[in-house]
Amino acid sequence: MSESHQQPALARCPGCEEPPASGDLFCGACGYDLSAVPARPDDRPTIAITVPPAAPSAPAVSPTGPPAPAVPPSAAPPVPDAPAPPVAAVQWPAASETDSSDVPAPVHRATDLPGTDSGGKPLPTTPPVRHDDRAAAVPAAAEPAAEPAESPYGTNSPDTSGDFALAAPDPRTAEPTPTPAAGTKVCVACRSGRVDPDGYCENCGHAQPRERDHMEQELGSVAAVSDRGLRHHRNEDSFAVSSTALPDGSPAVVAIVCDGVSSASRPDEASAAAAVAANEALLESLPRGTHPQQAMHEAIVAASEAVNVLAQDPPGAAEHEAHRHQNAPACTLVGAIMAGGLLVVGWVGDSRVYWVPEDRTGPPARLTEDDSWAAQMVAAGLMNEAEAYADERAHAITGWLGADSYELEPHTASFKPDRPGLVVVCTDGLWNYAESAEEMAAAVPPEAHLRPLHGAQVLVGHALDGGGHDNVTVALLPFTLEQQGAGSACTTV
């Protein structure tokens, strides 16, 4: 049977401070459960921290015999309990009050009180480090700062702001650099480093864009733009624009566009050589009075010979004679001449010439026929144009300039436009995104005949926006003529 212990009487209710009646288990004022109040302990003596007792002494040795055997504790006679001597209360150090930030008072540790070690010697009196004592955290005297150690990161170690030093000078803090000497190439990235012969900045190491990655030229009323595109690592296209005078003093404008064959070796050199050779041949023959169509034919032959020279082996390489014509440099060519009211075009390969009338109500036209597999299928009646150009073999060319071409067949045509318009000379990097004459006319900006360079830039941007899978080159030649009534856009001569 459990025993019920009576709770001691409380002077005041812990909840409302009202004195309860004797024997009440609940406060009559607030209903506080008086039985839940624990009883105050009556006997909680303070235990003194004393020195540990000394080690037990060794057993006594008899002068006449062996030492007496030790008595087990169980066999020792019981010792009556003796009252412990009174021990003075330990004086604990007063705890510091909380500071203005309401930090709680620090907790005292055993090392805060003096004591003795196990041998009875006093413990060191050096006060321990107190992290809550702000006064102790302030050094007594500032020591001179030591020299910073060399960083393992070299000059690129983080500075005080946490940033790494830049290889190129910060343009916001760098001092103005002196003007480089004439003819010295300066880095397009840091604007201060010199470009080495390999095309890299000696200051920041940035690779410089190649000169042929993007080219623009405007000469009077003719302009051309060439761009590397978004997929190729170099620009294998080339162009040449020029103007001269016929024997009667009338002007003649020339535009040549060449596209290097990517599957051949050194296609960029082939296109550049062909463009230069054809342009020089025209500038030589037209002032002599050669008919523009005949001059175009001779220019294509001269371009072919210039490309063939690239395939010649250097001296001492006779063992490679059997493979001299394999994978030789190759390119396509298309050109246009405006002279004496005539428009003469010539081509080998799949680069094209389009006619876009200034009055867009008139029909545009394509003035060239591709030397390609698709064009041959359409000409033979084996496929229609949509089926042929949808085939994966559509862009396989059947005619090009190069030592490994089967037979050179320059194509030329002469037209006499009866209205003003724009001549578009381009590579397949552009017409792949505007194949039909109507699509090309829609891509040409309306003011291109007044601003040919801007129009060429817009057409190159049209190809890049479409994907830029190939090099893009286009030349624009505005054809001016007084209005002479209705008629076809171009009349073949």
Protein backbone atom coordinates (compact mmCIF):
# COMPACT_ATOMS: atom_id res chain seq x y z
CA MET A 1 0.00 0.00 0.00
CA SER A 2 1.50 3.29 -1.10
CA GLU A 3 2.07 5.99 1.39
CA SER A 4 0.82 9.52 0.90
CA HIS A 5 3.30 12.19 1.92
CA GLN A 6 1.76 15.48 2.96
CA GLN A 7 3.11 18.52 1.22
CA PRO A 8 4.54 21.23 3.45
CA ALA A 9 2.45 24.35 3.88
CA LEU A 10 3.19 27.20 1.53
CA ALA A 11 3.29 30.80 2.69
CA ARG A 12 2.09 32.20 -0.64
CA CYS A 13 0.63 30.82 -3.84
CA PRO A 14 3.31 30.70 -6.57
CA GLY A 15 0.75 31.89 -9.11
CA CYS A 16 -0.97 34.87 -7.46
CA GLU A 17 1.08 35.43 -4.25
CA GLU A 18 -2.07 35.02 -2.12
CA PRO A 19 -1.70 33.09 1.18
CA PRO A 20 -3.52 29.72 0.85
CA ALA A 21 -5.54 28.16 3.63
CA SER A 22 -4.02 25.34 5.60
CA GLY A 23 -4.48 21.96 3.94
CA ASP A 24 -5.63 23.36 0.56
CA LEU A 25 -4.45 21.47 -2.49
CA PHE A 26 -5.50 24.27 -4.87
CA CYS A 27 -5.30 28.04 -4.49
CA GLY A 28 -8.69 29.52 -3.72
CA ALA A 29 -7.83 32.72 -5.68
CA CYS A 30 -6.31 31.49 -8.94
CA GLY A 31 -6.75 27.71 -8.81
CA TYR A 32 -3.01 26.99 -8.86
CA ASP A 33 -2.18 23.32 -8.15
CA LEU A 34 -0.34 23.58 -4.85
CA SER A 35 0.48 19.88 -4.81
CA ALA A 36 2.72 20.33 -7.89
CA VAL A 37 5.07 22.68 -6.03
CA PRO A 38 8.16 20.65 -5.07
CA ALA A 39 9.27 20.72 -1.50
CA ARG A 40 12.27 22.89 -0.66
CA PRO A 41 15.30 20.72 0.12
CA ASP A 42 16.25 20.87 3.74
CA ASP A 43 19.71 19.36 3.57
CA ARG A 44 21.94 20.51 0.71
CA PRO A 45 25.37 20.89 2.33
CA THR A 46 28.15 22.58 0.42
CA ILE A 47 30.88 20.13 -0.50
CA ALA A 48 34.37 21.53 -0.04
CA ILE A 49 37.09 21.02 -2.62
CA THR A 50 39.90 19.46 -0.62
CA VAL A 51 43.32 18.05 -1.36
CA PRO A 52 43.20 14.35 -2.30
CA PRO A 53 44.33 12.05 0.51
CA ALA A 54 47.88 10.85 0.50
CA ALA A 55 48.74 7.47 -0.96
CA PRO A 56 48.47 4.53 1.49
CA SER A 57 51.68 3.76 3.31
CA ALA A 58 53.60 0.60 2.60
CA PRO A 59 52.91 -2.39 4.85
CA ALA A 60 55.01 -2.65 7.99
CA VAL A 61 57.97 -5.01 7.81
CA SER A 62 58.73 -7.18 10.80
CA PRO A 63 62.37 -7.05 11.89
CA THR A 64 62.44 -10.76 12.44
CA GLY A 65 60.22 -12.15 9.70
CA PRO A 66 58.35 -11.56 6.42
CA PRO A 67 55.82 -8.79 6.14
CA ALA A 68 52.44 -9.40 7.59
CA PRO A 69 49.79 -10.32 5.06
CA ALA A 70 47.39 -7.58 4.05
CA VAL A 71 43.96 -7.79 5.55
CA PRO A 72 41.19 -7.80 2.91
CA PRO A 73 38.68 -5.00 3.20
CA SER A 74 35.92 -7.45 3.93
CA ALA A 75 37.80 -8.73 6.93
CA ALA A 76 38.59 -5.29 8.36
CA PRO A 77 36.64 -4.44 11.48
CA PRO A 78 33.93 -1.85 11.02
CA VAL A 79 34.82 1.72 11.96
CA PRO A 80 32.08 3.80 13.52
CA ASP A 81 31.06 6.92 11.56
CA ALA A 82 32.71 10.06 12.87
CA PRO A 83 31.30 13.51 12.32
CA ALA A 84 33.17 15.46 9.62
CA PRO A 85 34.91 18.60 10.79
CA PRO A 86 33.16 21.81 9.78
CA VAL A 87 34.46 23.16 6.45
CA ALA A 88 34.29 26.82 5.52
CA ALA A 89 32.18 27.71 2.48
CA VAL A 90 34.06 28.17 -0.80
CA GLN A 91 34.29 31.80 -1.92
CA TRP A 92 33.32 31.75 -5.61
CA PRO A 93 34.31 34.83 -7.65
CA ALA A 94 31.49 37.19 -8.51
CA ALA A 95 30.22 36.87 -12.07
CA SER A 96 30.31 39.96 -14.23
CA GLU A 97 26.99 41.46 -15.21
CA THR A 98 25.60 41.27 -18.73
CA ASP A 99 26.74 43.97 -21.15
CA SER A 100 24.62 46.32 -23.26
CA SER A 101 23.97 43.58 -25.80
CA ASP A 102 22.36 41.35 -23.14
CA VAL A 103 25.07 38.72 -23.36
CA PRO A 104 24.54 36.17 -20.52
CA ALA A 105 26.98 36.10 -17.68
CA PRO A 106 29.96 33.82 -18.32
CA VAL A 107 30.06 30.33 -16.93
CA HIS A 108 32.78 29.73 -14.35
CA ARG A 109 35.11 26.84 -14.89
CA ALA A 110 37.09 24.78 -12.42
CA THR A 111 40.25 26.64 -13.39
CA ASP A 112 38.77 29.88 -12.05
CA LEU A 113 39.57 28.80 -8.47
CA PRO A 114 43.06 28.34 -7.01
CA GLY A 115 43.98 24.82 -6.13
CA THR A 116 46.74 22.28 -5.88
CA ASP A 117 47.84 19.49 -8.08
CA SER A 118 48.04 15.79 -7.13
CA GLY A 119 51.41 16.41 -5.47
CA GLY A 120 50.10 19.17 -3.24
CA LYS A 121 51.77 21.99 -5.18
CA PRO A 122 49.80 25.15 -6.02
CA LEU A 123 48.45 25.32 -9.53
CA PRO A 124 49.75 28.10 -11.83
CA THR A 125 48.07 31.41 -11.12
CA THR A 126 48.22 32.64 -14.75
CA PRO A 127 44.66 33.51 -15.62
CA PRO A 128 43.21 31.52 -18.51
CA VAL A 129 42.12 33.15 -21.71
CA ARG A 130 38.66 34.62 -21.32
CA HIS A 131 36.90 35.16 -24.65
CA ASP A 132 34.11 37.08 -22.95
CA ASP A 133 36.45 39.71 -21.54
CA ARG A 134 36.64 42.52 -24.10
CA ALA A 135 39.34 44.39 -22.29
CA ALA A 136 41.68 41.41 -22.53
CA ALA A 137 41.12 41.13 -26.27
CA VAL A 138 42.73 44.54 -26.89
CA PRO A 139 46.51 44.17 -27.27
CA ALA A 140 48.64 46.28 -24.98
CA ALA A 141 50.78 47.70 -27.77
CA ALA A 142 50.57 47.35 -31.52
CA GLU A 143 53.42 45.37 -32.97
CA PRO A 144 54.96 46.34 -36.28
CA ALA A 145 53.43 44.47 -39.20
CA ALA A 146 55.59 41.72 -40.60
CA GLU A 147 56.63 41.69 -44.21
CA PRO A 148 54.08 39.73 -46.30
CA ALA A 149 55.32 36.35 -47.39
CA GLU A 150 55.67 35.68 -51.06
CA SER A 151 52.44 34.21 -52.39
CA PRO A 152 52.61 30.75 -53.93
CA TYR A 153 50.29 32.07 -56.67
CA GLY A 154 52.83 34.59 -57.95
CA THR A 155 51.46 37.84 -59.35
CA ASN A 156 47.95 36.40 -59.58
CA SER A 157 47.47 36.08 -55.82
CA PRO A 158 44.27 37.50 -54.37
CA ASP A 159 44.47 41.09 -53.22
CA THR A 160 42.75 42.64 -50.20
CA SER A 161 39.46 42.81 -52.10
CA GLY A 162 39.47 39.06 -52.74
CA ASP A 163 39.93 39.44 -56.51
CA PHE A 164 42.74 37.98 -58.56
CA ALA A 165 45.04 40.29 -60.42
CA LEU A 166 44.27 40.55 -64.12
CA ALA A 167 46.84 39.63 -66.72
CA ALA A 168 45.91 42.75 -68.67
CA PRO A 169 45.96 46.14 -66.95
CA ASP A 170 42.70 47.39 -65.54
CA PRO A 171 41.61 50.19 -67.92
CA ARG A 172 40.10 52.06 -64.96
CA THR A 173 43.40 52.33 -63.07
CA ALA A 174 46.10 51.69 -65.66
CA GLU A 175 48.18 54.60 -66.77
CA PRO A 176 47.76 55.69 -70.39
CA THR A 177 49.97 53.60 -72.63
CA PRO A 178 52.14 55.34 -75.16
CA THR A 179 50.98 55.37 -78.75
CA PRO A 180 52.44 52.31 -80.51
CA ALA A 181 54.79 52.81 -83.38
CA ALA A 182 53.37 52.98 -86.87
CA GLY A 183 52.74 49.52 -88.30
CA THR A 184 52.59 47.81 -84.89
CA LYS A 185 49.54 45.62 -84.34
CA VAL A 186 47.83 46.19 -81.00
CA CYS A 187 45.71 43.56 -79.22
CA VAL A 188 41.97 44.02 -79.73
CA ALA A 189 41.31 42.71 -76.19
CA CYS A 190 43.66 44.60 -73.85
CA ARG A 191 44.47 47.43 -76.25
CA SER A 192 48.04 47.58 -74.97
CA GLY A 193 49.89 44.40 -75.92
CA ARG A 194 51.80 43.90 -79.14
CA VAL A 195 50.67 41.08 -81.43
CA ASP A 196 53.37 38.55 -82.23
CA PRO A 197 53.85 36.98 -85.69
CA ASP A 198 51.72 33.98 -84.65
CA GLY A 199 48.70 36.22 -84.05
CA TYR A 200 48.67 36.25 -80.22
CA CYS A 201 48.94 39.18 -77.81
CA GLU A 202 52.26 39.27 -75.95
CA ASN A 203 50.53 40.86 -72.95
CA CYS A 204 47.30 38.90 -72.38
CA GLY A 205 47.72 36.01 -74.81
CA HIS A 206 44.45 36.74 -76.63
CA ALA A 207 44.23 35.23 -80.12
CA GLN A 208 43.69 38.00 -82.64
CA PRO A 209 41.07 37.72 -85.38
CA ARG A 210 42.50 36.92 -88.78
CA GLU A 211 42.44 39.63 -91.37
CA ARG A 212 40.22 37.54 -93.64
CA ASP A 213 37.70 36.60 -90.97
CA HIS A 214 35.70 39.67 -91.95
CA MET A 215 36.49 41.91 -94.91
CA GLU A 216 34.68 44.94 -96.29
CA GLN A 217 35.47 47.18 -99.24
CA GLU A 218 33.61 50.01 -100.92
CA LEU A 219 34.85 51.56 -104.14
CA GLY A 220 32.62 54.18 -105.66
CA SER A 221 29.33 52.53 -106.53
CA VAL A 222 30.47 48.94 -105.86
CA ALA A 223 30.92 47.30 -102.45
CA ALA A 224 31.66 43.83 -101.10
CA VAL A 225 31.61 42.07 -97.72
CA SER A 226 33.05 38.68 -96.77
CA ASP A 227 32.67 36.88 -93.44
CA ARG A 228 34.00 33.64 -91.99
CA GLY A 229 30.56 32.54 -90.83
CA LEU A 230 29.70 30.69 -87.63
CA ARG A 231 30.89 27.16 -88.32
CA HIS A 232 34.17 27.38 -90.27
CA HIS A 233 37.48 28.04 -88.53
CA ARG A 234 38.71 30.29 -91.37
CA ASN A 235 37.39 32.29 -94.29
CA GLU A 236 38.09 30.48 -97.57
CA ASP A 237 36.25 33.07 -99.70
CA SER A 238 37.85 36.01 -101.42
CA PHE A 239 36.74 38.94 -103.58
CA ALA A 240 38.06 41.84 -105.64
CA VAL A 241 36.26 45.01 -106.69
CA SER A 242 37.69 47.66 -109.00
CA SER A 243 36.84 50.25 -111.59
CA THR A 244 38.54 51.41 -114.76
CA ALA A 245 37.73 53.31 -117.96
CA LEU A 246 37.05 52.07 -121.49
CA PRO A 247 38.85 53.63 -124.48
CA ASP A 248 35.96 56.05 -124.99
CA GLY A 249 36.26 57.26 -121.40
CA SER A 250 33.10 55.55 -120.09
CA PRO A 251 33.46 53.82 -116.73
CA ALA A 252 33.69 50.09 -116.20
CA VAL A 253 33.01 48.47 -112.82
CA VAL A 254 34.26 44.99 -111.91
CA ALA A 255 33.38 42.56 -109.10
CA ILE A 256 34.97 39.11 -108.68
CA VAL A 257 33.92 36.61 -105.97
CA CYS A 258 35.70 33.28 -105.36
CA ASP A 259 34.83 30.40 -103.04
CA GLY A 260 37.55 27.94 -101.97
CA VAL A 261 36.71 24.24 -102.18
CA SER A 262 36.91 23.01 -98.59
CA SER A 263 37.76 19.43 -99.53
CA ALA A 264 40.86 20.61 -101.40
CA SER A 265 44.15 21.68 -99.88
CA ARG A 266 44.80 25.39 -99.23
CA PRO A 267 41.40 26.56 -100.47
CA ASP A 268 41.91 30.01 -98.97
CA GLU A 269 45.03 30.51 -101.06
CA ALA A 270 43.27 29.29 -104.18
CA SER A 271 40.38 31.73 -103.84
CA ALA A 272 42.70 34.65 -103.14
CA ALA A 273 44.94 33.85 -106.12
CA ALA A 274 41.98 33.48 -108.48
CA ALA A 275 40.35 36.76 -107.39
CA VAL A 276 43.57 38.74 -107.80
CA ALA A 277 44.43 37.18 -111.18
CA ALA A 278 40.97 37.70 -112.68
CA ASN A 279 40.77 41.29 -111.46
CA GLU A 280 44.20 42.16 -112.84
CA ALA A 281 43.38 40.57 -116.20
CA LEU A 282 40.20 42.66 -116.53
CA LEU A 283 41.96 45.88 -115.55
CA GLU A 284 44.48 45.19 -118.29
CA SER A 285 42.15 44.12 -121.11
CA LEU A 286 39.18 46.48 -120.68
CA PRO A 287 41.13 49.75 -121.20
CA ARG A 288 42.55 48.25 -124.43
CA GLY A 289 39.06 48.00 -125.89
CA THR A 290 38.53 44.25 -125.45
CA HIS A 291 34.86 43.36 -125.47
CA PRO A 292 33.71 42.85 -121.85
CA GLN A 293 32.46 39.33 -122.55
CA GLN A 294 35.76 38.31 -124.15
CA ALA A 295 37.65 40.01 -121.35
CA MET A 296 35.66 37.99 -118.78
CA HIS A 297 36.52 34.74 -120.55
CA GLU A 298 40.24 35.62 -120.57
CA ALA A 299 40.07 36.62 -116.90
CA ILE A 300 38.65 33.21 -115.91
CA VAL A 301 41.44 31.46 -117.82
CA ALA A 302 44.04 33.64 -116.10
CA ALA A 303 42.48 32.82 -112.70
CA SER A 304 42.63 29.10 -113.48
CA GLU A 305 46.32 29.33 -114.35
CA ALA A 306 47.02 31.15 -111.08
CA VAL A 307 45.36 28.38 -109.09
CA ASN A 308 47.21 25.70 -111.04
CA VAL A 309 50.53 27.24 -110.04
CA LEU A 310 49.70 26.55 -106.38
CA ALA A 311 49.66 22.82 -107.09
CA GLN A 312 53.24 22.76 -108.38
CA ASP A 313 55.62 20.95 -106.06
CA PRO A 314 58.69 22.75 -104.74
CA PRO A 315 62.08 21.85 -106.24
CA GLY A 316 63.47 18.52 -105.11
CA ALA A 317 60.07 16.86 -104.63
CA ALA A 318 60.04 14.77 -107.79
CA GLU A 319 58.99 11.66 -105.85
CA HIS A 320 55.57 13.23 -105.33
CA GLU A 321 54.99 13.88 -109.04
CA ALA A 322 52.49 11.01 -109.31
CA HIS A 323 50.30 12.63 -106.64
CA ARG A 324 50.80 16.23 -107.77
CA HIS A 325 47.23 16.71 -108.98
CA GLN A 326 45.53 14.87 -106.14
CA ASN A 327 43.74 17.16 -103.67
CA ALA A 328 45.17 20.22 -105.42
CA PRO A 329 44.04 23.73 -104.37
CA ALA A 330 40.71 24.57 -105.98
CA CYS A 331 37.98 27.21 -105.94
CA THR A 332 34.94 28.50 -107.81
CA LEU A 333 34.66 31.91 -109.46
CA VAL A 334 31.88 34.29 -110.45
CA GLY A 335 32.25 37.82 -111.75
CA ALA A 336 30.31 40.75 -113.17
CA ILE A 337 31.27 43.69 -115.39
CA MET A 338 29.18 46.81 -115.94
CA ALA A 339 30.49 48.72 -118.97
CA GLY A 340 28.93 50.58 -121.90
CA GLY A 341 25.35 49.83 -120.79
CA LEU A 342 26.07 46.10 -120.71
CA LEU A 343 26.07 43.65 -117.84
CA VAL A 344 28.49 40.78 -118.44
CA VAL A 345 28.72 37.83 -116.07
CA GLY A 346 31.08 34.86 -116.02
CA TRP A 347 31.41 31.85 -113.73
CA VAL A 348 32.82 28.41 -113.04
CA GLY A 349 31.24 26.47 -110.18
CA ASP A 350 28.15 27.16 -108.07
CA SER A 351 28.58 30.82 -107.11
CA ARG A 352 25.79 32.99 -108.54
CA VAL A 353 24.68 36.36 -109.90
CA TYR A 354 21.17 37.74 -109.26
CA TRP A 355 19.38 40.71 -110.78
CA VAL A 356 17.09 42.68 -108.45
CA PRO A 357 15.22 45.59 -110.13
CA GLU A 358 15.11 48.88 -108.30
CA ASP A 359 11.32 48.86 -108.74
CA ARG A 360 10.41 45.80 -106.74
CA THR A 361 7.21 45.37 -108.74
CA GLY A 362 9.38 44.05 -111.56
CA PRO A 363 10.52 40.41 -111.56
CA PRO A 364 13.99 39.50 -110.22
CA ALA A 365 16.14 36.94 -112.05
CA ARG A 366 19.04 34.58 -111.56
CA LEU A 367 21.65 35.13 -114.27
CA THR A 368 23.90 32.05 -113.80
CA GLU A 369 23.52 28.27 -113.88
CA ASP A 370 25.35 26.15 -111.33
CA ASP A 371 28.07 23.69 -112.24
CA SER A 372 26.63 21.17 -109.79
CA TRP A 373 25.05 17.74 -109.63
CA ALA A 374 21.60 19.19 -108.99
CA ALA A 375 21.79 21.50 -112.02
CA GLN A 376 22.83 18.60 -114.23
CA MET A 377 19.86 16.50 -113.04
CA VAL A 378 17.46 19.35 -113.78
CA ALA A 379 19.04 20.05 -117.19
CA ALA A 380 18.78 16.37 -118.13
CA GLY A 381 15.11 16.28 -117.10
CA LEU A 382 15.73 13.55 -114.53
CA MET A 383 14.48 15.66 -111.57
CA ASN A 384 12.70 18.89 -111.01
CA GLU A 385 14.55 21.67 -109.18
CA ALA A 386 12.94 20.98 -105.80
CA GLU A 387 13.79 17.28 -105.93
CA ALA A 388 17.34 17.86 -107.13
CA TYR A 389 18.27 20.42 -104.48
CA ALA A 390 16.71 18.29 -101.74
CA ASP A 391 19.18 15.49 -102.55
CA GLU A 392 22.31 15.20 -100.42
CA ARG A 393 24.42 15.35 -103.61
CA ALA A 394 22.88 18.63 -104.73
CA HIS A 395 25.89 20.83 -103.93
CA ALA A 396 28.53 18.52 -105.39
CA ILE A 397 30.19 20.79 -107.94
CA THR A 398 31.06 19.58 -111.42
CA GLY A 399 33.21 22.52 -112.43
CA TRP A 400 35.97 24.41 -110.59
CA LEU A 401 39.35 26.07 -111.02
CA GLY A 402 42.30 23.86 -110.10
CA ALA A 403 44.93 21.50 -111.40
CA ASP A 404 42.67 18.48 -110.84
CA SER A 405 39.66 19.85 -112.78
CA TYR A 406 38.62 17.63 -115.68
CA GLU A 407 38.23 20.38 -118.26
CA LEU A 408 37.94 24.14 -117.88
CA GLU A 409 34.71 25.45 -119.33
CA PRO A 410 34.26 29.15 -118.53
CA HIS A 411 30.66 30.34 -118.79
CA THR A 412 29.92 33.91 -119.86
CA ALA A 413 26.71 35.79 -120.61
CA SER A 414 25.93 39.36 -121.62
CA PHE A 415 22.76 41.29 -120.69
CA LYS A 416 21.46 44.74 -121.52
CA PRO A 417 19.11 45.83 -118.71
CA ASP A 418 16.36 48.27 -119.68
CA ARG A 419 15.79 49.57 -116.15
CA PRO A 420 17.89 50.36 -113.08
CA GLY A 421 18.52 47.62 -110.61
CA LEU A 422 21.04 45.88 -108.41
CA VAL A 423 23.48 43.12 -109.35
CA VAL A 424 24.12 40.63 -106.53
CA VAL A 425 27.30 38.53 -106.90
CA CYS A 426 27.58 35.94 -104.12
CA THR A 427 28.78 32.54 -102.97
CA ASP A 428 26.57 29.68 -101.85
CA GLY A 429 27.12 30.80 -98.25
CA LEU A 430 24.49 33.46 -98.97
CA TRP A 431 22.17 31.90 -101.55
CA ASN A 432 21.74 28.79 -99.40
CA TYR A 433 19.51 31.06 -97.27
CA ALA A 434 17.86 32.84 -100.24
CA GLU A 435 17.97 30.38 -103.12
CA SER A 436 15.31 31.64 -105.51
CA ALA A 437 15.42 35.05 -107.15
CA GLU A 438 12.32 36.09 -105.23
CA GLU A 439 13.87 35.11 -101.91
CA MET A 440 17.05 37.00 -102.74
CA ALA A 441 15.08 40.09 -103.72
CA ALA A 442 13.19 39.93 -100.43
CA ALA A 443 16.47 39.76 -98.48
CA VAL A 444 18.00 42.79 -100.24
CA PRO A 445 17.17 46.03 -98.36
CA PRO A 446 15.15 48.58 -100.41
CA GLU A 447 17.88 51.25 -100.29
CA ALA A 448 20.71 48.88 -101.29
CA HIS A 449 21.15 50.60 -104.69
CA LEU A 450 21.89 53.85 -102.83
CA ARG A 451 23.96 52.28 -100.04
CA PRO A 452 25.64 49.17 -101.52
CA LEU A 453 27.98 48.60 -98.56
CA HIS A 454 25.13 48.68 -96.10
CA GLY A 455 23.13 46.36 -98.34
CA ALA A 456 26.02 43.87 -98.48
CA GLN A 457 26.30 43.98 -94.70
CA VAL A 458 22.59 43.27 -94.35
CA LEU A 459 22.81 40.27 -96.71
CA VAL A 460 25.76 38.82 -94.79
CA GLY A 461 23.78 39.29 -91.58
CA HIS A 462 20.85 37.47 -93.19
CA ALA A 463 23.08 34.43 -93.79
CA LEU A 464 24.53 34.55 -90.27
CA ASP A 465 21.06 34.79 -88.77
CA GLY A 466 20.07 31.76 -90.80
CA GLY A 467 22.87 29.69 -89.27
CA GLY A 468 26.09 30.82 -90.97
CA HIS A 469 27.07 27.26 -91.88
CA ASP A 470 29.49 28.45 -94.60
CA ASN A 471 31.68 31.40 -95.45
CA VAL A 472 29.59 34.28 -96.77
CA THR A 473 30.68 36.70 -99.51
CA VAL A 474 28.57 39.13 -101.51
CA ALA A 475 29.29 42.06 -103.83
CA LEU A 476 26.64 44.61 -104.91
CA LEU A 477 26.82 46.64 -108.13
CA PRO A 478 24.04 49.22 -108.65
CA PHE A 479 23.10 49.47 -112.33
CA THR A 480 21.83 52.92 -113.26
CA LEU A 481 19.87 53.57 -116.46
CA GLU A 482 17.22 56.05 -117.46
CA GLN A 483 13.72 54.64 -117.67
CA GLN A 484 12.89 53.63 -121.27
CA GLY A 485 9.49 52.06 -120.86
CA ALA A 486 8.25 48.62 -120.00
CA GLY A 487 10.17 45.52 -120.93
CA SER A 488 11.98 42.55 -119.50
CA ALA A 489 14.45 43.08 -116.68
CA CYS A 490 17.39 41.81 -118.70
CA THR A 491 17.84 41.10 -122.39
CA THR A 492 20.47 38.55 -123.35
CA VAL A 493 22.88 39.74 -126.00
